[in-house]
Protein backbone atom coordinates (compact mmCIF):
# COMPACT_ATOMS: atom_id res chain seq x y z
CA VAL A 1 76.74 23.68 -42.51
CA GLY A 2 76.03 26.86 -44.30
CA LEU A 3 78.51 27.83 -47.36
CA ARG A 4 78.54 31.09 -49.42
CA LEU A 5 81.21 30.84 -52.29
CA THR A 6 81.95 34.00 -54.04
CA LYS A 7 84.00 33.67 -57.03
CA MET A 8 86.42 37.19 -57.99
CA TYR A 9 88.64 37.43 -60.85
CA ASN A 10 92.00 38.79 -60.75
CA ASN A 11 95.30 37.18 -62.62
CA ASP A 12 97.54 37.63 -59.06
CA LYS A 13 95.67 36.47 -56.22
CA ALA A 14 95.42 33.17 -54.43
CA CYS A 15 92.24 31.38 -53.91
CA CYS A 16 90.86 32.46 -50.11
CA VAL A 17 88.60 30.52 -47.71
CA THR A 18 86.83 32.61 -45.36
CA PRO A 19 85.37 31.58 -41.82
CA THR A 20 83.36 34.41 -41.48
CA THR A 21 85.55 37.26 -41.62
CA HIS A 22 89.05 36.16 -41.94
CA THR A 23 91.21 35.11 -45.19
CA LEU A 24 93.30 32.49 -45.66
CA PRO A 25 95.23 32.39 -48.81
CA LEU A 26 95.17 28.52 -49.81
CA SER A 27 96.55 27.78 -53.54
CA VAL A 28 96.51 29.90 -56.95
CA ASP A 29 93.65 28.55 -59.48
CA TRP A 30 94.77 28.09 -62.83
CA LEU A 31 93.05 30.78 -64.14
CA GLY A 32 93.78 33.04 -61.39
CA CYS A 33 90.55 33.37 -59.85
CA ILE A 34 89.52 34.26 -56.49
CA ILE A 35 87.48 31.99 -54.97
CA VAL A 36 85.99 32.93 -51.23
CA ILE A 37 84.46 30.53 -49.43
CA ARG A 38 82.09 31.96 -46.71
CA ILE A 39 81.54 29.82 -43.79
CA VAL A 40 78.18 31.56 -42.24
CA LEU A 41 77.56 29.42 -39.21
CA TRP A 42 80.94 28.27 -37.96
CA LYS A 43 80.32 28.08 -34.16
CA GLU A 44 77.02 26.71 -34.51
CA TRP A 45 78.38 24.06 -36.61
CA GLU A 46 81.37 23.30 -33.85
CA ASP A 47 78.74 22.89 -31.34
CA ASN A 48 76.47 20.67 -32.91
CA LEU A 49 80.18 18.21 -33.83
CA ASN A 50 81.12 18.65 -29.80
CA GLU A 51 77.36 17.76 -29.06
CA MET A 52 77.35 14.46 -31.48
CA CYS A 53 80.62 13.51 -29.86
CA GLU A 54 79.33 13.68 -26.21
CA LYS A 55 76.45 10.97 -28.30
CA VAL A 56 79.75 8.69 -29.86
CA VAL A 57 79.17 4.77 -28.86
CA ALA A 58 82.76 2.90 -28.01
CA CYS A 59 83.47 -0.09 -30.38
CA PRO A 60 82.30 -3.23 -29.62
CA GLY A 61 84.93 -4.90 -27.45
CA ALA A 62 86.65 -1.23 -26.71
CA THR A 63 86.23 -1.09 -22.91
CA GLU A 64 86.92 -4.48 -22.34
CA LEU A 65 90.07 -4.12 -24.48
CA VAL A 66 91.44 -1.51 -22.95
CA ARG A 67 90.70 -2.88 -19.68
CA GLY A 68 92.25 -5.95 -20.46
CA LEU A 69 95.52 -4.19 -21.72
CA ALA A 70 95.75 -2.03 -18.88
CA GLN A 71 95.90 -4.64 -16.54
CA GLN A 72 98.43 -5.99 -18.08
CA GLY A 73 100.08 -2.91 -17.79
CA TYR A 74 100.38 -1.98 -21.66
CA PRO A 75 100.82 1.34 -21.90
CA MET A 76 98.49 3.45 -24.45
CA ALA A 77 97.73 6.39 -26.36
CA ILE A 78 94.55 7.74 -27.83
CA ALA A 79 96.07 9.47 -31.62
CA THR A 80 92.81 10.71 -33.36
CA SER A 81 92.31 13.09 -36.14
CA SER A 82 89.49 15.05 -33.55
CA ARG A 83 90.32 18.45 -32.36
CA TYR A 84 90.77 18.24 -28.65
CA ALA A 85 88.06 20.11 -27.50
CA SER A 86 85.93 16.92 -29.01
CA VAL A 87 88.04 14.40 -27.32
CA ASP A 88 86.85 16.56 -24.20
CA GLN A 89 83.49 15.67 -25.18
CA LYS A 90 83.79 12.11 -26.24
CA ARG A 91 85.60 11.74 -22.77
CA LYS A 92 82.31 13.06 -20.69
CA ASN A 93 80.69 9.18 -21.61
CA HIS A 94 83.99 7.25 -21.87
CA ALA A 95 86.10 8.06 -18.99
CA ASP A 96 86.36 4.13 -18.30
CA ILE A 97 88.04 3.98 -21.24
CA PHE A 98 90.08 7.84 -20.91
CA GLN A 99 91.25 6.60 -18.03
CA HIS A 100 93.66 4.05 -18.68
CA MET A 101 95.34 6.59 -21.65
CA GLN A 102 98.54 7.66 -20.48
CA ALA A 103 98.23 9.89 -23.74
CA ILE A 104 95.89 11.72 -26.07
CA VAL A 105 97.11 13.29 -29.26
CA ALA A 106 94.73 14.99 -31.31
CA GLY A 107 94.37 16.45 -35.17
CA ASP A 108 95.06 19.66 -33.61
CA ASP A 109 98.47 19.01 -31.34
CA PRO A 110 101.24 21.28 -32.41
CA SER A 111 103.26 18.64 -33.13
CA VAL A 112 101.11 17.07 -35.55
CA LEU A 113 102.22 19.22 -38.46
CA GLN A 114 100.51 16.88 -41.21
CA GLY A 115 97.19 15.02 -40.88
CA LYS A 116 96.80 11.16 -41.42
CA PRO A 117 97.56 9.46 -43.62
CA ALA A 118 100.80 10.96 -42.76
CA PRO A 119 102.46 9.52 -39.60
CA ASP A 120 102.66 12.30 -37.47
CA ILE A 121 100.08 11.59 -35.41
CA TYR A 122 100.94 8.30 -34.38
CA LEU A 123 105.07 9.15 -34.17
CA GLU A 124 103.78 11.52 -31.62
CA ALA A 125 101.84 9.72 -29.29
CA ALA A 126 104.74 6.64 -29.39
CA ARG A 127 106.84 9.70 -28.06
CA GLN A 128 104.80 10.58 -25.58
CA LEU A 129 104.54 7.11 -24.31
CA GLN A 130 108.55 6.82 -24.95
CA VAL A 131 107.85 4.01 -27.17
CA ASP A 132 109.71 2.72 -29.86
CA PRO A 133 106.49 2.91 -32.99
CA GLN A 134 107.89 -0.91 -34.12
CA HIS A 135 106.84 -1.89 -30.97
CA CYS A 136 103.15 -0.63 -31.20
CA LEU A 137 99.92 -1.54 -32.06
CA VAL A 138 97.57 0.51 -33.65
CA PHE A 139 93.76 0.26 -33.74
CA GLU A 140 92.25 1.95 -36.48
CA ASP A 141 88.39 2.22 -38.45
CA ALA A 142 89.62 4.70 -40.83
CA LEU A 143 91.77 3.98 -44.19
CA SER A 144 93.73 7.36 -43.61
CA GLY A 145 94.33 6.21 -39.65
CA VAL A 146 95.73 2.63 -41.46
CA ARG A 147 98.04 4.37 -43.48
CA ALA A 148 99.23 6.91 -41.06
CA GLY A 149 99.93 3.85 -38.59
CA LYS A 150 101.34 1.81 -41.10
CA ALA A 151 103.68 4.80 -42.17
CA ALA A 152 105.08 5.47 -38.93
CA GLY A 153 106.18 2.09 -38.80
CA CYS A 154 103.51 0.82 -36.42
CA CYS A 155 101.79 -2.77 -36.38
CA VAL A 156 98.08 -1.81 -36.92
CA ILE A 157 94.67 -3.53 -36.77
CA ALA A 158 91.69 -2.81 -38.86
CA ILE A 159 87.81 -2.50 -37.51
CA PRO A 160 86.20 -0.81 -40.31
CA ASP A 161 82.74 0.05 -40.20
CA ALA A 162 80.17 -3.08 -40.67
CA ARG A 163 78.44 -1.30 -43.74
CA PHE A 164 81.29 -1.22 -45.64
CA SER A 165 81.06 -3.22 -49.07
CA GLU A 166 83.47 -6.06 -49.91
CA PRO A 167 85.46 -3.56 -52.13
CA GLU A 168 85.67 -1.03 -49.48
CA LYS A 169 86.87 -3.88 -46.70
CA GLN A 170 89.27 -5.46 -49.26
CA VAL A 171 91.40 -2.07 -49.01
CA PHE A 172 91.50 -2.43 -45.52
CA ARG A 173 93.12 -5.95 -45.68
CA ASP A 174 95.34 -5.09 -48.06
CA GLU A 175 96.69 -2.35 -45.99
CA ALA A 176 96.14 -3.36 -42.63
CA ASP A 177 98.59 -6.17 -40.87
CA LEU A 178 94.66 -7.71 -39.66
CA VAL A 179 91.67 -6.73 -40.30
CA LEU A 180 88.45 -7.68 -37.57
CA ASP A 181 85.31 -7.22 -37.72
CA ASN A 182 85.13 -5.73 -34.30
CA LEU A 183 87.57 -5.59 -30.85
CA TRP A 184 85.93 -8.83 -29.62
CA HIS A 185 87.49 -11.15 -32.44
CA PHE A 186 91.35 -9.83 -31.20
CA ASP A 187 93.73 -12.03 -29.74
CA GLY A 188 96.82 -10.61 -28.56
CA GLU A 189 98.74 -13.89 -28.08
CA PRO A 190 100.35 -13.60 -31.72
CA PHE A 191 101.56 -9.81 -30.73
CA GLY A 192 102.93 -11.15 -27.25
C-alpha cells in the first residue's frame, strides 16, 4: 500500500487520516499536530486483497468438520473480521463450507460496533442463530478472535498457525478453552 504522510502543525486540530480525498478525524495528539495520511492506491489495494481472498485455502479438516456438524443438525455461522466483499471472494472456492452456514457476520456488518477482541461479532452471530452464546462453540485462529469469543461467553477452540513459536502458542493455551494443531484433532464428544 502506498502511503504518503504529511505533518501539519496546528494547536487545536485533530489528527486525520485521508484515504484519497476524504479526511476522517481521529484524535488530538499531545503536540496538537494534524497528521494526514494519504492512501494513494486504495482501490488497487482492495482489488489485490479480494484477489488474495479467492486463493484462501481452508484449514486442514475444516470442510469435513463442517460437513459432519451439518449432518448432525448443528446450526453454524461464520463470524469474521473480514469485510463482506472479502467474504464473497472466499465463498467462490469454498461453497462446500458456506452452503452449511445459517448466518455470516462480517466485520463491516452494521450490528458489529467494535471489532475483535470485542465480543460484538460473536454476540451477533449467536443472535442470528438464535442460540445462547454460552452454548456456542467458536473455532479461532487469531488471538483477537479467541478473546472475542471468550468475552461473548462462548467456548473457544483455538487453532494457532503452525508457524507460531512456542511462546506464541502458549498465549493461546492460556486464553482458549482448548488448543488444537488442526481441525482433524477435534473431538466433539466432550462438548455434547
